[in-house]
């Protein structure tokens, strides 16, 4: 037993006896953005599809469906009821 604390992200481990990876590599590289989107409903309704795709990807959300589906999904995810 070592006397120091070891970060879980740097501790190697093996899944099913395979190649060793650090936990950070295994979990991927998604990092939650620092700021919550501050768009209004009107912004989402006129936002181009490429911008919706970027926004959804930034928050690790799916970018499937047509532009109307993406708009509704983004509004449901990011707009708070008044």
PDB file of N, CA and C in Angstrom:
ATOM      1  N   UNK A   1       0.839  -1.183   0.000  1.00  0.00           N
ATOM      2  CA  UNK A   1       0.000   0.000   0.000  1.00  0.00           C
ATOM      3  C   UNK A   1       0.880   1.241   0.000  1.00  0.00           C
ATOM      4  N   UNK A   2       0.642   2.133  -0.931  1.00  0.00           N
ATOM      5  CA  UNK A   2       1.439   3.357  -0.968  1.00  0.00           C
ATOM      6  C   UNK A   2       0.815   4.402  -0.047  1.00  0.00           C
ATOM      7  N   UNK A   3       1.621   5.295   0.426  1.00  0.00           N
ATOM      8  CA  UNK A   3       1.145   6.285   1.370  1.00  0.00           C
ATOM      9  C   UNK A   3       0.484   7.491   0.728  1.00  0.00           C
ATOM     10  N   UNK A   4       0.668   7.708  -0.593  1.00  0.00           N
ATOM     11  CA  UNK A   4       0.122   8.893  -1.248  1.00  0.00           C
ATOM     12  C   UNK A   4      -1.195   8.614  -1.939  1.00  0.00           C
ATOM     13  N   UNK A   5      -1.832   9.690  -2.348  1.00  0.00           N
ATOM     14  CA  UNK A   5      -3.079   9.553  -3.102  1.00  0.00           C
ATOM     15  C   UNK A   5      -2.741   9.552  -4.580  1.00  0.00           C
ATOM     16  N   UNK A   6      -3.402   8.685  -5.326  1.00  0.00           N
ATOM     17  CA  UNK A   6      -3.172   8.599  -6.760  1.00  0.00           C
ATOM     18  C   UNK A   6      -4.432   9.005  -7.498  1.00  0.00           C
ATOM     19  N   UNK A   7      -4.283   9.828  -8.497  1.00  0.00           N
ATOM     20  CA  UNK A   7      -5.434  10.257  -9.299  1.00  0.00           C
ATOM     21  C   UNK A   7      -5.987   9.086 -10.083  1.00  0.00           C
ATOM     22  N   UNK A   8      -7.333   8.956 -10.086  1.00  0.00           N
ATOM     23  CA  UNK A   8      -7.956   7.884 -10.842  1.00  0.00           C
ATOM     24  C   UNK A   8      -7.710   8.053 -12.331  1.00  0.00           C
ATOM     25  N   UNK A   9      -7.562   9.294 -12.798  1.00  0.00           N
ATOM     26  CA  UNK A   9      -7.420   9.511 -14.229  1.00  0.00           C
ATOM     27  C   UNK A   9      -6.065   9.045 -14.747  1.00  0.00           C
ATOM     28  N   UNK A  10      -5.073   8.894 -13.877  1.00  0.00           N
ATOM     29  CA  UNK A  10      -3.767   8.474 -14.349  1.00  0.00           C
ATOM     30  C   UNK A  10      -3.469   7.016 -14.010  1.00  0.00           C
ATOM     31  N   UNK A  11      -4.351   6.342 -13.315  1.00  0.00           N
ATOM     32  CA  UNK A  11      -4.129   4.958 -12.918  1.00  0.00           C
ATOM     33  C   UNK A  11      -4.432   4.035 -14.095  1.00  0.00           C
ATOM     34  N   UNK A  12      -3.422   3.234 -14.560  1.00  0.00           N
ATOM     35  CA  UNK A  12      -3.695   2.325 -15.665  1.00  0.00           C
ATOM     36  C   UNK A  12      -4.618   1.193 -15.227  1.00  0.00           C
ATOM     37  N   UNK A  13      -5.424   0.700 -16.136  1.00  0.00           N
ATOM     38  CA  UNK A  13      -6.279  -0.444 -15.859  1.00  0.00           C
ATOM     39  C   UNK A  13      -6.496  -1.197 -17.152  1.00  0.00           C
ATOM     40  N   UNK A  14      -7.005  -2.387 -17.033  1.00  0.00           N
ATOM     41  CA  UNK A  14      -7.209  -3.223 -18.201  1.00  0.00           C
ATOM     42  C   UNK A  14      -8.632  -3.738 -18.203  1.00  0.00           C
ATOM     43  N   UNK A  15      -9.311  -3.644 -19.342  1.00  0.00           N
ATOM     44  CA  UNK A  15     -10.656  -4.196 -19.516  1.00  0.00           C
ATOM     45  C   UNK A  15     -10.510  -5.569 -20.155  1.00  0.00           C
ATOM     46  N   UNK A  16     -11.025  -6.603 -19.500  1.00  0.00           N
ATOM     47  CA  UNK A  16     -11.016  -7.972 -20.039  1.00  0.00           C
ATOM     48  C   UNK A  16      -9.627  -8.439 -20.446  1.00  0.00           C
ATOM     49  N   UNK A  17      -8.620  -8.068 -19.687  1.00  0.00           N
ATOM     50  CA  UNK A  17      -7.263  -8.530 -19.952  1.00  0.00           C
ATOM     51  C   UNK A  17      -6.614  -7.924 -21.178  1.00  0.00           C
ATOM     52  N   UNK A  18      -7.233  -6.914 -21.739  1.00  0.00           N
ATOM     53  CA  UNK A  18      -6.706  -6.289 -22.958  1.00  0.00           C
ATOM     54  C   UNK A  18      -5.635  -5.260 -22.667  1.00  0.00           C
ATOM     55  N   UNK A  19      -5.410  -4.421 -23.631  1.00  0.00           N
ATOM     56  CA  UNK A  19      -4.408  -3.369 -23.540  1.00  0.00           C
ATOM     57  C   UNK A  19      -4.737  -2.404 -22.409  1.00  0.00           C
ATOM     58  N   UNK A  20      -3.703  -1.932 -21.717  1.00  0.00           N
ATOM     59  CA  UNK A  20      -3.940  -1.012 -20.601  1.00  0.00           C
ATOM     60  C   UNK A  20      -4.125   0.405 -21.101  1.00  0.00           C
ATOM     61  N   UNK A  21      -5.090   1.114 -20.508  1.00  0.00           N
ATOM     62  CA  UNK A  21      -5.384   2.507 -20.835  1.00  0.00           C
ATOM     63  C   UNK A  21      -5.595   3.257 -19.529  1.00  0.00           C
ATOM     64  N   UNK A  22      -5.444   4.568 -19.569  1.00  0.00           N
ATOM     65  CA  UNK A  22      -5.810   5.355 -18.403  1.00  0.00           C
ATOM     66  C   UNK A  22      -7.307   5.587 -18.447  1.00  0.00           C
ATOM     67  N   UNK A  23      -7.918   5.899 -17.322  1.00  0.00           N
ATOM     68  CA  UNK A  23      -9.360   6.135 -17.277  1.00  0.00           C
ATOM     69  C   UNK A  23      -9.749   7.296 -18.192  1.00  0.00           C
ATOM     70  N   UNK A  24      -8.924   8.304 -18.299  1.00  0.00           N
ATOM     71  CA  UNK A  24      -9.235   9.456 -19.154  1.00  0.00           C
ATOM     72  C   UNK A  24      -9.359   9.014 -20.609  1.00  0.00           C
ATOM     73  N   UNK A  25      -8.465   8.130 -21.068  1.00  0.00           N
ATOM     74  CA  UNK A  25      -8.547   7.640 -22.438  1.00  0.00           C
ATOM     75  C   UNK A  25      -9.811   6.815 -22.644  1.00  0.00           C
ATOM     76  N   UNK A  26     -10.159   5.990 -21.678  1.00  0.00           N
ATOM     77  CA  UNK A  26     -11.308   5.102 -21.795  1.00  0.00           C
ATOM     78  C   UNK A  26     -12.610   5.886 -21.802  1.00  0.00           C
ATOM     79  N   UNK A  27     -12.707   6.955 -21.030  1.00  0.00           N
ATOM     80  CA  UNK A  27     -13.939   7.725 -20.917  1.00  0.00           C
ATOM     81  C   UNK A  27     -14.124   8.709 -22.064  1.00  0.00           C
ATOM     82  N   UNK A  28     -13.143   8.904 -22.884  1.00  0.00           N
ATOM     83  CA  UNK A  28     -13.258   9.842 -23.986  1.00  0.00           C
ATOM     84  C   UNK A  28     -12.782  11.222 -23.580  1.00  0.00           C
ATOM     85  N   UNK A  29     -13.044  12.175 -24.429  1.00  0.00           N
ATOM     86  CA  UNK A  29     -12.513  13.514 -24.190  1.00  0.00           C
ATOM     87  C   UNK A  29     -13.604  14.565 -24.069  1.00  0.00           C
ATOM     88  N   UNK A  30     -14.843  14.154 -23.803  1.00  0.00           N
ATOM     89  CA  UNK A  30     -15.912  15.132 -23.643  1.00  0.00           C
ATOM     90  C   UNK A  30     -15.691  15.947 -22.383  1.00  0.00           C
ATOM     91  N   UNK A  31     -15.806  17.241 -22.487  1.00  0.00           N
ATOM     92  CA  UNK A  31     -15.706  18.129 -21.346  1.00  0.00           C
ATOM     93  C   UNK A  31     -16.860  19.117 -21.434  1.00  0.00           C
ATOM     94  N   UNK A  32     -17.668  19.182 -20.382  1.00  0.00           N
ATOM     95  CA  UNK A  32     -18.833  20.077 -20.377  1.00  0.00           C
ATOM     96  C   UNK A  32     -18.373  21.524 -20.536  1.00  0.00           C
ATOM     97  N   UNK A  33     -18.956  22.249 -21.491  1.00  0.00           N
ATOM     98  CA  UNK A  33     -18.610  23.666 -21.661  1.00  0.00           C
ATOM     99  C   UNK A  33     -18.887  24.455 -20.373  1.00  0.00           C
ATOM    100  N   UNK A  34     -18.157  25.531 -20.195  1.00  0.00           N
ATOM    101  CA  UNK A  34     -18.271  26.328 -18.976  1.00  0.00           C
ATOM    102  C   UNK A  34     -19.561  27.126 -18.903  1.00  0.00           C
ATOM    103  N   UNK A  35     -20.095  27.539 -20.037  1.00  0.00           N
ATOM    104  CA  UNK A  35     -21.255  28.425 -20.039  1.00  0.00           C
ATOM    105  C   UNK A  35     -22.479  27.734 -20.634  1.00  0.00           C
ATOM    106  N   UNK A  36     -23.617  28.000 -20.056  1.00  0.00           N
ATOM    107  CA  UNK A  36     -24.893  27.502 -20.560  1.00  0.00           C
ATOM    108  C   UNK A  36     -25.303  28.378 -21.738  1.00  0.00           C
ATOM    109  N   UNK A  37     -25.824  27.807 -22.823  1.00  0.00           N
ATOM    110  CA  UNK A  37     -26.211  28.648 -23.971  1.00  0.00           C
ATOM    111  C   UNK A  37     -27.257  29.691 -23.578  1.00  0.00           C
ATOM    112  N   UNK A  38     -27.103  30.882 -24.084  1.00  0.00           N
ATOM    113  CA  UNK A  38     -28.025  31.977 -23.740  1.00  0.00           C
ATOM    114  C   UNK A  38     -28.799  32.451 -24.955  1.00  0.00           C
ATOM    115  N   UNK A  39     -29.343  31.504 -25.688  1.00  0.00           N
ATOM    116  CA  UNK A  39     -30.150  31.856 -26.848  1.00  0.00           C
ATOM    117  C   UNK A  39     -31.619  31.914 -26.451  1.00  0.00           C
ATOM    118  N   UNK A  40     -32.371  32.743 -27.170  1.00  0.00           N
ATOM    119  CA  UNK A  40     -33.815  32.820 -26.947  1.00  0.00           C
ATOM    120  C   UNK A  40     -34.514  31.851 -27.901  1.00  0.00           C
ATOM    121  N   UNK A  41     -35.805  31.676 -27.706  1.00  0.00           N
ATOM    122  CA  UNK A  41     -36.574  30.824 -28.596  1.00  0.00           C
ATOM    123  C   UNK A  41     -36.483  31.347 -30.029  1.00  0.00           C
ATOM    124  N   UNK A  42     -36.565  32.669 -30.178  1.00  0.00           N
ATOM    125  CA  UNK A  42     -36.450  33.275 -31.514  1.00  0.00           C
ATOM    126  C   UNK A  42     -35.087  32.964 -32.146  1.00  0.00           C
ATOM    127  N   UNK A  43     -34.027  32.956 -31.337  1.00  0.00           N
ATOM    128  CA  UNK A  43     -32.697  32.608 -31.852  1.00  0.00           C
ATOM    129  C   UNK A  43     -32.681  31.183 -32.402  1.00  0.00           C
ATOM    130  N   UNK A  44     -33.251  30.247 -31.624  1.00  0.00           N
ATOM    131  CA  UNK A  44     -33.269  28.847 -32.067  1.00  0.00           C
ATOM    132  C   UNK A  44     -34.115  28.676 -33.329  1.00  0.00           C
ATOM    133  N   UNK A  45     -35.212  29.416 -33.420  1.00  0.00           N
ATOM    134  CA  UNK A  45     -36.114  29.284 -34.573  1.00  0.00           C
ATOM    135  C   UNK A  45     -35.488  29.764 -35.872  1.00  0.00           C
ATOM    136  N   UNK A  46     -34.489  30.648 -35.793  1.00  0.00           N
ATOM    137  CA  UNK A  46     -33.834  31.161 -36.999  1.00  0.00           C
ATOM    138  C   UNK A  46     -32.398  30.669 -37.154  1.00  0.00           C
ATOM    139  N   UNK A  47     -31.908  29.904 -36.204  1.00  0.00           N
ATOM    140  CA  UNK A  47     -30.525  29.433 -36.218  1.00  0.00           C
ATOM    141  C   UNK A  47     -30.299  28.465 -37.390  1.00  0.00           C
ATOM    142  N   UNK A  48     -29.228  28.673 -38.158  1.00  0.00           N
ATOM    143  CA  UNK A  48     -28.946  27.753 -39.262  1.00  0.00           C
ATOM    144  C   UNK A  48     -28.575  26.358 -38.742  1.00  0.00           C
ATOM    145  N   UNK A  49     -28.792  25.366 -39.570  1.00  0.00           N
ATOM    146  CA  UNK A  49     -28.571  23.977 -39.149  1.00  0.00           C
ATOM    147  C   UNK A  49     -27.134  23.719 -38.706  1.00  0.00           C
ATOM    148  N   UNK A  50     -26.154  24.299 -39.393  1.00  0.00           N
ATOM    149  CA  UNK A  50     -24.761  24.065 -39.018  1.00  0.00           C
ATOM    150  C   UNK A  50     -24.478  24.563 -37.605  1.00  0.00           C
ATOM    151  N   UNK A  51     -25.122  25.671 -37.228  1.00  0.00           N
ATOM    152  CA  UNK A  51     -24.895  26.228 -35.897  1.00  0.00           C
ATOM    153  C   UNK A  51     -25.577  25.358 -34.831  1.00  0.00           C
ATOM    154  N   UNK A  52     -26.764  24.836 -35.156  1.00  0.00           N
ATOM    155  CA  UNK A  52     -27.435  23.903 -34.248  1.00  0.00           C
ATOM    156  C   UNK A  52     -26.572  22.661 -34.049  1.00  0.00           C
ATOM    157  N   UNK A  53     -26.009  22.126 -35.141  1.00  0.00           N
ATOM    158  CA  UNK A  53     -25.138  20.960 -35.049  1.00  0.00           C
ATOM    159  C   UNK A  53     -23.952  21.231 -34.130  1.00  0.00           C
ATOM    160  N   UNK A  54     -23.312  22.376 -34.306  1.00  0.00           N
ATOM    161  CA  UNK A  54     -22.157  22.730 -33.466  1.00  0.00           C
ATOM    162  C   UNK A  54     -22.558  22.830 -31.999  1.00  0.00           C
ATOM    163  N   UNK A  55     -23.680  23.470 -31.728  1.00  0.00           N
ATOM    164  CA  UNK A  55     -24.144  23.646 -30.357  1.00  0.00           C
ATOM    165  C   UNK A  55     -24.453  22.297 -29.699  1.00  0.00           C
ATOM    166  N   UNK A  56     -25.192  21.455 -30.408  1.00  0.00           N
ATOM    167  CA  UNK A  56     -25.544  20.146 -29.855  1.00  0.00           C
ATOM    168  C   UNK A  56     -24.302  19.292 -29.632  1.00  0.00           C
ATOM    169  N   UNK A  57     -23.379  19.294 -30.591  1.00  0.00           N
ATOM    170  CA  UNK A  57     -22.141  18.528 -30.437  1.00  0.00           C
ATOM    171  C   UNK A  57     -21.325  19.017 -29.252  1.00  0.00           C
ATOM    172  N   UNK A  58     -21.291  20.333 -29.065  1.00  0.00           N
ATOM    173  CA  UNK A  58     -20.512  20.920 -27.970  1.00  0.00           C
ATOM    174  C   UNK A  58     -20.982  20.398 -26.613  1.00  0.00           C
ATOM    175  N   UNK A  59     -22.265  20.105 -26.488  1.00  0.00           N
ATOM    176  CA  UNK A  59     -22.816  19.611 -25.240  1.00  0.00           C
ATOM    177  C   UNK A  59     -22.997  18.090 -25.237  1.00  0.00           C
ATOM    178  N   UNK A  60     -22.424  17.412 -26.236  1.00  0.00           N
ATOM    179  CA  UNK A  60     -22.473  15.963 -26.282  1.00  0.00           C
ATOM    180  C   UNK A  60     -23.845  15.407 -26.604  1.00  0.00           C
ATOM    181  N   UNK A  61     -24.680  16.186 -27.289  1.00  0.00           N
ATOM    182  CA  UNK A  61     -26.040  15.769 -27.622  1.00  0.00           C
ATOM    183  C   UNK A  61     -26.111  15.300 -29.073  1.00  0.00           C
ATOM    184  N   UNK A  62     -27.083  14.455 -29.406  1.00  0.00           N
ATOM    185  CA  UNK A  62     -27.173  13.928 -30.768  1.00  0.00           C
ATOM    186  C   UNK A  62     -27.554  14.993 -31.792  1.00  0.00           C
ATOM    187  N   UNK A  63     -27.048  14.820 -32.999  1.00  0.00           N
ATOM    188  CA  UNK A  63     -27.329  15.753 -34.088  1.00  0.00           C
ATOM    189  C   UNK A  63     -28.071  15.043 -35.211  1.00  0.00           C
ATOM    190  N   UNK A  64     -29.009  14.176 -34.847  1.00  0.00           N
ATOM    191  CA  UNK A  64     -29.753  13.417 -35.851  1.00  0.00           C
ATOM    192  C   UNK A  64     -31.079  14.109 -36.157  1.00  0.00           C
ATOM    193  N   UNK A  65     -31.627  13.796 -37.312  1.00  0.00           N
ATOM    194  CA  UNK A  65     -32.916  14.369 -37.692  1.00  0.00           C
ATOM    195  C   UNK A  65     -32.753  15.572 -38.596  1.00  0.00           C
ATOM    196  N   UNK A  66     -33.894  16.090 -39.017  1.00  0.00           N
ATOM    197  CA  UNK A  66     -33.860  17.275 -39.880  1.00  0.00           C
ATOM    198  C   UNK A  66     -33.716  18.527 -39.024  1.00  0.00           C
ATOM    199  N   UNK A  67     -33.615  19.669 -39.670  1.00  0.00           N
ATOM    200  CA  UNK A  67     -33.354  20.919 -38.959  1.00  0.00           C
ATOM    201  C   UNK A  67     -34.481  21.260 -37.976  1.00  0.00           C
ATOM    202  N   UNK A  68     -35.729  20.958 -38.331  1.00  0.00           N
ATOM    203  CA  UNK A  68     -36.840  21.238 -37.402  1.00  0.00           C
ATOM    204  C   UNK A  68     -36.737  20.394 -36.143  1.00  0.00           C
ATOM    205  N   UNK A  69     -36.361  19.126 -36.314  1.00  0.00           N
ATOM    206  CA  UNK A  69     -36.175  18.246 -35.153  1.00  0.00           C
ATOM    207  C   UNK A  69     -35.048  18.769 -34.254  1.00  0.00           C
ATOM    208  N   UNK A  70     -33.947  19.184 -34.862  1.00  0.00           N
ATOM    209  CA  UNK A  70     -32.809  19.704 -34.099  1.00  0.00           C
ATOM    210  C   UNK A  70     -33.192  20.977 -33.340  1.00  0.00           C
ATOM    211  N   UNK A  71     -33.968  21.843 -33.983  1.00  0.00           N
ATOM    212  CA  UNK A  71     -34.409  23.076 -33.312  1.00  0.00           C
ATOM    213  C   UNK A  71     -35.258  22.749 -32.085  1.00  0.00           C
ATOM    214  N   UNK A  72     -36.231  21.852 -32.266  1.00  0.00           N
ATOM    215  CA  UNK A  72     -37.098  21.472 -31.145  1.00  0.00           C
ATOM    216  C   UNK A  72     -36.289  20.813 -30.033  1.00  0.00           C
ATOM    217  N   UNK A  73     -35.339  19.965 -30.413  1.00  0.00           N
ATOM    218  CA  UNK A  73     -34.508  19.293 -29.421  1.00  0.00           C
ATOM    219  C   UNK A  73     -33.664  20.304 -28.644  1.00  0.00           C
ATOM    220  N   UNK A  74     -33.053  21.256 -29.356  1.00  0.00           N
ATOM    221  CA  UNK A  74     -32.232  22.277 -28.701  1.00  0.00           C
ATOM    222  C   UNK A  74     -33.077  23.143 -27.765  1.00  0.00           C
ATOM    223  N   UNK A  75     -34.262  23.535 -28.226  1.00  0.00           N
ATOM    224  CA  UNK A  75     -35.140  24.362 -27.370  1.00  0.00           C
ATOM    225  C   UNK A  75     -35.568  23.566 -26.133  1.00  0.00           C
ATOM    226  N   UNK A  76     -35.886  22.293 -26.308  1.00  0.00           N
ATOM    227  CA  UNK A  76     -36.269  21.468 -25.172  1.00  0.00           C
ATOM    228  C   UNK A  76     -35.122  21.231 -24.204  1.00  0.00           C
ATOM    229  N   UNK A  77     -33.908  21.222 -24.718  1.00  0.00           N
ATOM    230  CA  UNK A  77     -32.738  20.983 -23.872  1.00  0.00           C
ATOM    231  C   UNK A  77     -32.245  22.230 -23.152  1.00  0.00           C
ATOM    232  N   UNK A  78     -32.333  23.379 -23.810  1.00  0.00           N
ATOM    233  CA  UNK A  78     -31.677  24.565 -23.280  1.00  0.00           C
ATOM    234  C   UNK A  78     -32.596  25.686 -22.806  1.00  0.00           C
ATOM    235  N   UNK A  79     -33.847  25.694 -23.229  1.00  0.00           N
ATOM    236  CA  UNK A  79     -34.755  26.767 -22.775  1.00  0.00           C
ATOM    237  C   UNK A  79     -35.470  26.331 -21.510  1.00  0.00           C
ATOM    238  N   UNK A  80     -35.547  27.200 -20.555  1.00  0.00           N
ATOM    239  CA  UNK A  80     -36.247  26.921 -19.301  1.00  0.00           C
ATOM    240  C   UNK A  80     -37.621  27.552 -19.362  1.00  0.00           C
ATOM    241  N   UNK A  81     -38.633  26.832 -18.889  1.00  0.00           N
ATOM    242  CA  UNK A  81     -39.982  27.436 -18.868  1.00  0.00           C
ATOM    243  C   UNK A  81     -40.006  28.666 -17.975  1.00  0.00           C
ATOM    244  N   UNK A  82     -40.781  29.638 -18.372  1.00  0.00           N
ATOM    245  CA  UNK A  82     -40.864  30.892 -17.593  1.00  0.00           C
ATOM    246  C   UNK A  82     -41.753  30.736 -16.379  1.00  0.00           C
TER     247      UNK A  82
END
